[in-house]
């Protein structure tokens, strides 16, 4: 069985650039060419037809030929963009997060740099970079297909267990597993009935309860060890989860709640 897009002519780069945006970029389209836009810095939403696609740094969106689109932003942003001449459907994703080593992002940068260079064998290098981008985009589709919601949630829970004591963000964790924040939220609600932040906070509270019950650490030290920004922050989360404050836990045996 022929792989989707395998019989088409290899993608050819026909334009590349980097846009230092301040506000929105007006609605436009590219007849006959695909465009990939990659958000390097800032916050942007891509309007594609009648739909709005929120983006965060490390995310890329594909605009098919003839589809009207625009950048929507309220502050400065940096967006890399590359247009490809492709026969047929290349089998690329509509939108996705880059991997942990920013393979797509660094390839976008290399394309833009090469596009404006006068180095020897420029055209040959652009062909190589176009082939690399094609493979990266098709591979991102494959990753989405083999990683189901349960496996993805399990992977993120492992990250939480390894790094709960750090000031990590949900955006950062979502990017590390190659999905958007909204997609990660959807998967967690589907599999666990909770949001990623709720699961992370539950883990932090559970570890704080254990330390309050079985250690002589000060409350502020426990807060820092469990990823809370302050003792008062720990107190609020503990009260919300158990109905007790740190002093109550230390004065009784209720610290055993959830500590196993």
C-alpha atoms as a PDB file:
ATOM      1  CA  UNK A   1       0.000   0.000   0.000  1.00  0.00           C
ATOM      2  CA  UNK A   2       1.427   3.352  -1.028  1.00  0.00           C
ATOM      3  CA  UNK A   3       2.070   5.746   1.858  1.00  0.00           C
ATOM      4  CA  UNK A   4       0.019   8.935   1.757  1.00  0.00           C
ATOM      5  CA  UNK A   5       1.927  11.627  -0.072  1.00  0.00           C
ATOM      6  CA  UNK A   6       4.695   9.191  -1.115  1.00  0.00           C
ATOM      7  CA  UNK A   7       3.887   9.465  -4.816  1.00  0.00           C
ATOM      8  CA  UNK A   8       3.992  13.257  -4.905  1.00  0.00           C
ATOM      9  CA  UNK A   9       6.933  15.328  -6.040  1.00  0.00           C
ATOM     10  CA  UNK A  10       9.229  16.169  -3.154  1.00  0.00           C
ATOM     11  CA  UNK A  11       8.357  19.513  -1.509  1.00  0.00           C
ATOM     12  CA  UNK A  12      10.268  22.483  -2.881  1.00  0.00           C
ATOM     13  CA  UNK A  13      10.855  25.649  -0.869  1.00  0.00           C
ATOM     14  CA  UNK A  14       9.587  28.718  -2.744  1.00  0.00           C
ATOM     15  CA  UNK A  15       9.830  31.339   0.022  1.00  0.00           C
ATOM     16  CA  UNK A  16      11.023  31.664   3.614  1.00  0.00           C
ATOM     17  CA  UNK A  17      11.262  34.394   6.201  1.00  0.00           C
ATOM     18  CA  UNK A  18      10.892  35.493   9.794  1.00  0.00           C
ATOM     19  CA  UNK A  19       8.202  37.937  10.898  1.00  0.00           C
ATOM     20  CA  UNK A  20       8.708  40.213  13.895  1.00  0.00           C
ATOM     21  CA  UNK A  21       5.082  41.012  14.609  1.00  0.00           C
ATOM     22  CA  UNK A  22       3.618  43.711  16.814  1.00  0.00           C
ATOM     23  CA  UNK A  23      -0.091  43.160  16.359  1.00  0.00           C
ATOM     24  CA  UNK A  24      -2.071  41.094  13.885  1.00  0.00           C
ATOM     25  CA  UNK A  25      -1.008  40.229  10.349  1.00  0.00           C
ATOM     26  CA  UNK A  26      -3.891  40.746   7.892  1.00  0.00           C
ATOM     27  CA  UNK A  27      -5.895  37.961   6.270  1.00  0.00           C
ATOM     28  CA  UNK A  28      -4.202  36.497   3.192  1.00  0.00           C
ATOM     29  CA  UNK A  29      -3.713  33.217   1.337  1.00  0.00           C
ATOM     30  CA  UNK A  30      -1.151  31.473  -0.864  1.00  0.00           C
ATOM     31  CA  UNK A  31      -2.557  30.021  -4.062  1.00  0.00           C
ATOM     32  CA  UNK A  32      -0.793  26.816  -5.058  1.00  0.00           C
ATOM     33  CA  UNK A  33       1.550  26.542  -2.073  1.00  0.00           C
ATOM     34  CA  UNK A  34       1.521  25.218   1.486  1.00  0.00           C
ATOM     35  CA  UNK A  35       2.788  27.422   4.287  1.00  0.00           C
ATOM     36  CA  UNK A  36       4.125  26.322   7.660  1.00  0.00           C
ATOM     37  CA  UNK A  37       4.280  28.948  10.410  1.00  0.00           C
ATOM     38  CA  UNK A  38       6.286  28.312  13.577  1.00  0.00           C
ATOM     39  CA  UNK A  39       5.925  30.466  16.700  1.00  0.00           C
ATOM     40  CA  UNK A  40       9.349  31.108  18.205  1.00  0.00           C
ATOM     41  CA  UNK A  41       8.456  33.751  20.756  1.00  0.00           C
ATOM     42  CA  UNK A  42       5.318  35.450  22.101  1.00  0.00           C
ATOM     43  CA  UNK A  43       1.668  34.438  21.893  1.00  0.00           C
ATOM     44  CA  UNK A  44      -0.323  34.227  18.682  1.00  0.00           C
ATOM     45  CA  UNK A  45      -3.564  32.706  17.478  1.00  0.00           C
ATOM     46  CA  UNK A  46      -3.782  31.642  13.842  1.00  0.00           C
ATOM     47  CA  UNK A  47      -7.057  32.395  12.089  1.00  0.00           C
ATOM     48  CA  UNK A  48      -7.528  29.667   9.461  1.00  0.00           C
ATOM     49  CA  UNK A  49     -10.732  30.109   7.554  1.00  0.00           C
ATOM     50  CA  UNK A  50     -13.407  30.527  10.215  1.00  0.00           C
ATOM     51  CA  UNK A  51     -11.417  28.740  12.946  1.00  0.00           C
ATOM     52  CA  UNK A  52      -9.020  30.141  15.549  1.00  0.00           C
ATOM     53  CA  UNK A  53      -5.960  28.026  16.489  1.00  0.00           C
ATOM     54  CA  UNK A  54      -4.206  29.269  19.669  1.00  0.00           C
ATOM     55  CA  UNK A  55      -0.418  28.910  19.534  1.00  0.00           C
ATOM     56  CA  UNK A  56       2.422  28.944  22.022  1.00  0.00           C
ATOM     57  CA  UNK A  57       6.180  28.967  21.433  1.00  0.00           C
ATOM     58  CA  UNK A  58       7.292  25.688  19.875  1.00  0.00           C
ATOM     59  CA  UNK A  59       4.004  25.114  18.055  1.00  0.00           C
ATOM     60  CA  UNK A  60       3.545  25.079  14.280  1.00  0.00           C
ATOM     61  CA  UNK A  61       0.485  25.353  12.027  1.00  0.00           C
ATOM     62  CA  UNK A  62       0.100  24.311   8.369  1.00  0.00           C
ATOM     63  CA  UNK A  63      -1.955  26.447   5.967  1.00  0.00           C
ATOM     64  CA  UNK A  64      -3.083  24.532   2.834  1.00  0.00           C
ATOM     65  CA  UNK A  65      -3.112  26.243  -0.575  1.00  0.00           C
ATOM     66  CA  UNK A  66      -5.816  28.864  -1.016  1.00  0.00           C
ATOM     67  CA  UNK A  67      -6.962  28.826   2.617  1.00  0.00           C
ATOM     68  CA  UNK A  68      -7.284  32.348   4.014  1.00  0.00           C
ATOM     69  CA  UNK A  69      -5.443  32.895   7.274  1.00  0.00           C
ATOM     70  CA  UNK A  70      -4.073  35.607   9.565  1.00  0.00           C
ATOM     71  CA  UNK A  71      -1.985  36.121  12.709  1.00  0.00           C
ATOM     72  CA  UNK A  72      -3.893  37.416  15.744  1.00  0.00           C
ATOM     73  CA  UNK A  73      -1.772  38.885  18.551  1.00  0.00           C
ATOM     74  CA  UNK A  74      -1.905  41.510  21.291  1.00  0.00           C
ATOM     75  CA  UNK A  75       1.850  41.830  21.824  1.00  0.00           C
ATOM     76  CA  UNK A  76       5.180  41.320  20.063  1.00  0.00           C
ATOM     77  CA  UNK A  77       5.925  37.914  18.598  1.00  0.00           C
ATOM     78  CA  UNK A  78       8.434  36.143  16.344  1.00  0.00           C
ATOM     79  CA  UNK A  79       7.066  33.792  13.701  1.00  0.00           C
ATOM     80  CA  UNK A  80       9.073  31.777  11.155  1.00  0.00           C
ATOM     81  CA  UNK A  81       7.265  30.981   7.907  1.00  0.00           C
ATOM     82  CA  UNK A  82       8.150  28.801   4.924  1.00  0.00           C
ATOM     83  CA  UNK A  83       6.164  28.166   1.736  1.00  0.00           C
ATOM     84  CA  UNK A  84       6.382  24.863  -0.133  1.00  0.00           C
ATOM     85  CA  UNK A  85       5.417  23.839  -3.639  1.00  0.00           C
ATOM     86  CA  UNK A  86       3.942  20.328  -3.240  1.00  0.00           C
ATOM     87  CA  UNK A  87       1.989  18.006  -5.525  1.00  0.00           C
ATOM     88  CA  UNK A  88      -1.159  16.640  -3.906  1.00  0.00           C
ATOM     89  CA  UNK A  89      -1.653  16.099  -0.175  1.00  0.00           C
ATOM     90  CA  UNK A  90       1.730  15.744   1.561  1.00  0.00           C
ATOM     91  CA  UNK A  91       0.201  14.047   4.610  1.00  0.00           C
ATOM     92  CA  UNK A  92       1.318  16.778   7.015  1.00  0.00           C
ATOM     93  CA  UNK A  93      -0.391  17.597  10.337  1.00  0.00           C
ATOM     94  CA  UNK A  94      -2.707  20.561  10.590  1.00  0.00           C
ATOM     95  CA  UNK A  95      -1.066  21.739  13.820  1.00  0.00           C
ATOM     96  CA  UNK A  96       1.342  20.238  16.364  1.00  0.00           C
ATOM     97  CA  UNK A  97       3.933  20.937  19.027  1.00  0.00           C
ATOM     98  CA  UNK A  98       7.610  20.561  18.238  1.00  0.00           C
ATOM     99  CA  UNK A  99       9.657  17.876  19.982  1.00  0.00           C
ATOM    100  CA  UNK A 100      11.886  18.458  22.998  1.00  0.00           C
ATOM    101  CA  UNK A 101      14.955  19.328  20.899  1.00  0.00           C
ATOM    102  CA  UNK A 102      12.993  21.678  18.599  1.00  0.00           C
ATOM    103  CA  UNK A 103      13.713  19.692  15.442  1.00  0.00           C
ATOM    104  CA  UNK A 104      11.117  21.552  13.376  1.00  0.00           C
ATOM    105  CA  UNK A 105      12.044  24.956  14.811  1.00  0.00           C
ATOM    106  CA  UNK A 106      15.766  24.623  14.158  1.00  0.00           C
ATOM    107  CA  UNK A 107      15.049  23.353  10.643  1.00  0.00           C
ATOM    108  CA  UNK A 108      12.839  26.395  10.029  1.00  0.00           C
ATOM    109  CA  UNK A 109      15.675  28.650  11.182  1.00  0.00           C
ATOM    110  CA  UNK A 110      18.151  26.851   8.928  1.00  0.00           C
ATOM    111  CA  UNK A 111      15.809  27.221   5.945  1.00  0.00           C
ATOM    112  CA  UNK A 112      15.377  30.957   6.516  1.00  0.00           C
ATOM    113  CA  UNK A 113      19.117  31.465   6.952  1.00  0.00           C
ATOM    114  CA  UNK A 114      19.885  29.482   3.797  1.00  0.00           C
ATOM    115  CA  UNK A 115      17.155  31.206   1.798  1.00  0.00           C
ATOM    116  CA  UNK A 116      18.852  34.595   2.212  1.00  0.00           C
ATOM    117  CA  UNK A 117      22.430  33.313   1.955  1.00  0.00           C
ATOM    118  CA  UNK A 118      24.834  33.413  -0.963  1.00  0.00           C
ATOM    119  CA  UNK A 119      26.752  30.298   0.105  1.00  0.00           C
ATOM    120  CA  UNK A 120      27.941  27.721  -2.456  1.00  0.00           C
ATOM    121  CA  UNK A 121      25.415  24.932  -3.195  1.00  0.00           C
ATOM    122  CA  UNK A 122      22.558  26.972  -1.720  1.00  0.00           C
ATOM    123  CA  UNK A 123      19.915  25.256  -3.869  1.00  0.00           C
ATOM    124  CA  UNK A 124      21.214  21.797  -2.938  1.00  0.00           C
ATOM    125  CA  UNK A 125      21.101  22.696   0.755  1.00  0.00           C
ATOM    126  CA  UNK A 126      17.533  23.997   0.428  1.00  0.00           C
ATOM    127  CA  UNK A 127      16.508  20.699  -1.207  1.00  0.00           C
ATOM    128  CA  UNK A 128      18.039  18.779   1.699  1.00  0.00           C
ATOM    129  CA  UNK A 129      16.302  20.999   4.260  1.00  0.00           C
ATOM    130  CA  UNK A 130      12.971  20.652   2.429  1.00  0.00           C
ATOM    131  CA  UNK A 131      13.319  16.856   2.525  1.00  0.00           C
ATOM    132  CA  UNK A 132      14.169  16.988   6.234  1.00  0.00           C
ATOM    133  CA  UNK A 133      11.137  19.169   6.957  1.00  0.00           C
ATOM    134  CA  UNK A 134       8.900  16.814   4.987  1.00  0.00           C
ATOM    135  CA  UNK A 135      10.090  13.843   7.061  1.00  0.00           C
ATOM    136  CA  UNK A 136       9.750  15.720  10.361  1.00  0.00           C
ATOM    137  CA  UNK A 137       6.185  16.780   9.577  1.00  0.00           C
ATOM    138  CA  UNK A 138       5.119  13.285   8.507  1.00  0.00           C
ATOM    139  CA  UNK A 139       6.854  11.800  11.552  1.00  0.00           C
ATOM    140  CA  UNK A 140       4.869  14.130  13.840  1.00  0.00           C
ATOM    141  CA  UNK A 141       1.667  12.644  12.383  1.00  0.00           C
ATOM    142  CA  UNK A 142       2.992   9.150  13.121  1.00  0.00           C
ATOM    143  CA  UNK A 143       3.783  10.094  16.731  1.00  0.00           C
ATOM    144  CA  UNK A 144       0.239  11.368  17.209  1.00  0.00           C
ATOM    145  CA  UNK A 145      -1.185   8.122  15.856  1.00  0.00           C
ATOM    146  CA  UNK A 146       0.798   5.742  18.086  1.00  0.00           C
ATOM    147  CA  UNK A 147       0.496   7.667  21.354  1.00  0.00           C
ATOM    148  CA  UNK A 148      -2.995   7.245  22.754  1.00  0.00           C
ATOM    149  CA  UNK A 149      -4.508   9.363  25.550  1.00  0.00           C
ATOM    150  CA  UNK A 150      -3.803   6.773  28.284  1.00  0.00           C
ATOM    151  CA  UNK A 151      -0.141   6.432  27.329  1.00  0.00           C
ATOM    152  CA  UNK A 152       0.293  10.193  27.056  1.00  0.00           C
ATOM    153  CA  UNK A 153      -1.297  10.809  30.463  1.00  0.00           C
ATOM    154  CA  UNK A 154       0.867   8.078  31.982  1.00  0.00           C
ATOM    155  CA  UNK A 155       3.971   9.702  30.497  1.00  0.00           C
ATOM    156  CA  UNK A 156       3.040  13.094  31.923  1.00  0.00           C
ATOM    157  CA  UNK A 157       2.289  11.608  35.349  1.00  0.00           C
ATOM    158  CA  UNK A 158       5.807  10.169  35.306  1.00  0.00           C
ATOM    159  CA  UNK A 159       7.169  13.640  34.540  1.00  0.00           C
ATOM    160  CA  UNK A 160       5.145  15.030  37.448  1.00  0.00           C
ATOM    161  CA  UNK A 161       6.534  12.408  39.834  1.00  0.00           C
ATOM    162  CA  UNK A 162      10.080  13.176  38.735  1.00  0.00           C
ATOM    163  CA  UNK A 163       9.783  16.964  38.811  1.00  0.00           C
ATOM    164  CA  UNK A 164       6.938  17.930  41.171  1.00  0.00           C
ATOM    165  CA  UNK A 165       9.376  19.842  43.397  1.00  0.00           C
ATOM    166  CA  UNK A 166      10.393  22.136  40.507  1.00  0.00           C
ATOM    167  CA  UNK A 167       8.526  25.290  39.378  1.00  0.00           C
ATOM    168  CA  UNK A 168       7.380  23.560  36.172  1.00  0.00           C
ATOM    169  CA  UNK A 169       4.453  24.809  34.070  1.00  0.00           C
ATOM    170  CA  UNK A 170       1.770  22.840  32.263  1.00  0.00           C
ATOM    171  CA  UNK A 171       2.748  24.543  28.997  1.00  0.00           C
ATOM    172  CA  UNK A 172       6.309  23.284  29.442  1.00  0.00           C
ATOM    173  CA  UNK A 173       5.179  19.717  30.193  1.00  0.00           C
ATOM    174  CA  UNK A 174       2.754  19.702  27.252  1.00  0.00           C
ATOM    175  CA  UNK A 175       5.546  20.812  24.920  1.00  0.00           C
ATOM    176  CA  UNK A 176       7.845  18.085  26.273  1.00  0.00           C
ATOM    177  CA  UNK A 177       5.400  15.382  25.122  1.00  0.00           C
ATOM    178  CA  UNK A 178       4.590  17.069  21.822  1.00  0.00           C
ATOM    179  CA  UNK A 179       0.998  18.252  22.378  1.00  0.00           C
ATOM    180  CA  UNK A 180      -0.690  21.588  23.011  1.00  0.00           C
ATOM    181  CA  UNK A 181      -1.842  22.662  26.467  1.00  0.00           C
ATOM    182  CA  UNK A 182      -5.500  22.325  25.423  1.00  0.00           C
ATOM    183  CA  UNK A 183      -4.938  18.801  24.053  1.00  0.00           C
ATOM    184  CA  UNK A 184      -3.208  17.749  27.277  1.00  0.00           C
ATOM    185  CA  UNK A 185      -6.114  19.162  29.301  1.00  0.00           C
ATOM    186  CA  UNK A 186      -8.594  17.186  27.173  1.00  0.00           C
ATOM    187  CA  UNK A 187      -6.665  13.926  27.581  1.00  0.00           C
ATOM    188  CA  UNK A 188      -6.391  14.313  31.375  1.00  0.00           C
ATOM    189  CA  UNK A 189     -10.103  15.049  31.744  1.00  0.00           C
ATOM    190  CA  UNK A 190     -10.909  12.039  29.558  1.00  0.00           C
ATOM    191  CA  UNK A 191      -8.596   9.586  31.341  1.00  0.00           C
ATOM    192  CA  UNK A 192      -8.524  10.823  34.963  1.00  0.00           C
ATOM    193  CA  UNK A 193     -11.415  13.262  35.224  1.00  0.00           C
ATOM    194  CA  UNK A 194      -8.982  15.950  36.431  1.00  0.00           C
ATOM    195  CA  UNK A 195      -6.900  18.681  34.850  1.00  0.00           C
ATOM    196  CA  UNK A 196      -3.090  18.316  34.637  1.00  0.00           C
ATOM    197  CA  UNK A 197      -2.652  21.068  37.244  1.00  0.00           C
ATOM    198  CA  UNK A 198      -5.042  19.329  39.645  1.00  0.00           C
ATOM    199  CA  UNK A 199      -3.057  16.086  39.318  1.00  0.00           C
ATOM    200  CA  UNK A 200       0.236  17.922  39.854  1.00  0.00           C
ATOM    201  CA  UNK A 201      -1.109  19.751  42.918  1.00  0.00           C
ATOM    202  CA  UNK A 202      -2.498  16.500  44.359  1.00  0.00           C
ATOM    203  CA  UNK A 203       0.966  14.967  44.070  1.00  0.00           C
ATOM    204  CA  UNK A 204       2.575  17.965  45.745  1.00  0.00           C
ATOM    205  CA  UNK A 205       0.037  17.921  48.585  1.00  0.00           C
ATOM    206  CA  UNK A 206       0.511  14.181  49.109  1.00  0.00           C
ATOM    207  CA  UNK A 207       4.272  14.628  49.480  1.00  0.00           C
ATOM    208  CA  UNK A 208       3.812  17.660  51.737  1.00  0.00           C
ATOM    209  CA  UNK A 209       1.489  15.650  54.001  1.00  0.00           C
ATOM    210  CA  UNK A 210       4.103  12.948  54.341  1.00  0.00           C
ATOM    211  CA  UNK A 211       6.841  15.421  55.274  1.00  0.00           C
ATOM    212  CA  UNK A 212       4.587  17.266  57.735  1.00  0.00           C
ATOM    213  CA  UNK A 213       3.747  14.017  59.451  1.00  0.00           C
ATOM    214  CA  UNK A 214       7.118  12.267  59.437  1.00  0.00           C
ATOM    215  CA  UNK A 215       9.824  14.956  59.284  1.00  0.00           C
ATOM    216  CA  UNK A 216      11.063  17.844  61.418  1.00  0.00           C
ATOM    217  CA  UNK A 217      11.383  20.196  58.437  1.00  0.00           C
ATOM    218  CA  UNK A 218       9.919  23.676  58.768  1.00  0.00           C
ATOM    219  CA  UNK A 219       6.755  24.419  56.817  1.00  0.00           C
ATOM    220  CA  UNK A 220       8.583  26.779  54.480  1.00  0.00           C
ATOM    221  CA  UNK A 221      11.198  24.120  53.763  1.00  0.00           C
ATOM    222  CA  UNK A 222       8.487  21.560  53.026  1.00  0.00           C
ATOM    223  CA  UNK A 223       6.760  24.016  50.701  1.00  0.00           C
ATOM    224  CA  UNK A 224       9.973  24.517  48.748  1.00  0.00           C
ATOM    225  CA  UNK A 225      10.711  20.778  48.678  1.00  0.00           C
ATOM    226  CA  UNK A 226       7.270  20.041  47.230  1.00  0.00           C
ATOM    227  CA  UNK A 227       7.153  22.721  44.530  1.00  0.00           C
ATOM    228  CA  UNK A 228       5.034  25.332  46.301  1.00  0.00           C
ATOM    229  CA  UNK A 229       6.146  28.939  46.015  1.00  0.00           C
ATOM    230  CA  UNK A 230       5.682  29.672  49.745  1.00  0.00           C
ATOM    231  CA  UNK A 231       4.436  28.268  53.056  1.00  0.00           C
ATOM    232  CA  UNK A 232       1.176  30.191  52.609  1.00  0.00           C
ATOM    233  CA  UNK A 233       0.722  28.660  49.169  1.00  0.00           C
ATOM    234  CA  UNK A 234       1.175  25.201  50.671  1.00  0.00           C
ATOM    235  CA  UNK A 235      -1.306  26.090  53.398  1.00  0.00           C
ATOM    236  CA  UNK A 236      -3.963  27.125  50.895  1.00  0.00           C
ATOM    237  CA  UNK A 237      -3.552  23.997  48.774  1.00  0.00           C
ATOM    238  CA  UNK A 238      -3.579  21.765  51.842  1.00  0.00           C
ATOM    239  CA  UNK A 239      -6.750  23.421  53.159  1.00  0.00           C
ATOM    240  CA  UNK A 240      -8.468  23.026  49.795  1.00  0.00           C
ATOM    241  CA  UNK A 241      -7.516  19.332  49.530  1.00  0.00           C
ATOM    242  CA  UNK A 242      -7.978  18.099  53.118  1.00  0.00           C
ATOM    243  CA  UNK A 243      -9.728  20.833  55.063  1.00  0.00           C
ATOM    244  CA  UNK A 244      -6.731  21.112  57.419  1.00  0.00           C
ATOM    245  CA  UNK A 245      -3.771  23.469  57.674  1.00  0.00           C
ATOM    246  CA  UNK A 246      -0.130  22.435  58.271  1.00  0.00           C
ATOM    247  CA  UNK A 247      -0.379  23.084  62.026  1.00  0.00           C
ATOM    248  CA  UNK A 248      -3.414  20.765  62.272  1.00  0.00           C
ATOM    249  CA  UNK A 249      -1.540  18.027  60.436  1.00  0.00           C
ATOM    250  CA  UNK A 250       1.440  18.225  62.738  1.00  0.00           C
ATOM    251  CA  UNK A 251      -0.701  18.294  65.858  1.00  0.00           C
ATOM    252  CA  UNK A 252      -2.530  15.056  65.068  1.00  0.00           C
ATOM    253  CA  UNK A 253      -2.421  11.921  62.969  1.00  0.00           C
ATOM    254  CA  UNK A 254      -4.410  13.362  60.055  1.00  0.00           C
ATOM    255  CA  UNK A 255      -1.182  13.715  58.145  1.00  0.00           C
ATOM    256  CA  UNK A 256      -1.642  10.076  57.208  1.00  0.00           C
ATOM    257  CA  UNK A 257      -4.460  11.112  54.898  1.00  0.00           C
ATOM    258  CA  UNK A 258      -3.271  10.623  51.359  1.00  0.00           C
ATOM    259  CA  UNK A 259       0.317  10.123  52.486  1.00  0.00           C
ATOM    260  CA  UNK A 260       0.606   6.480  51.546  1.00  0.00           C
END
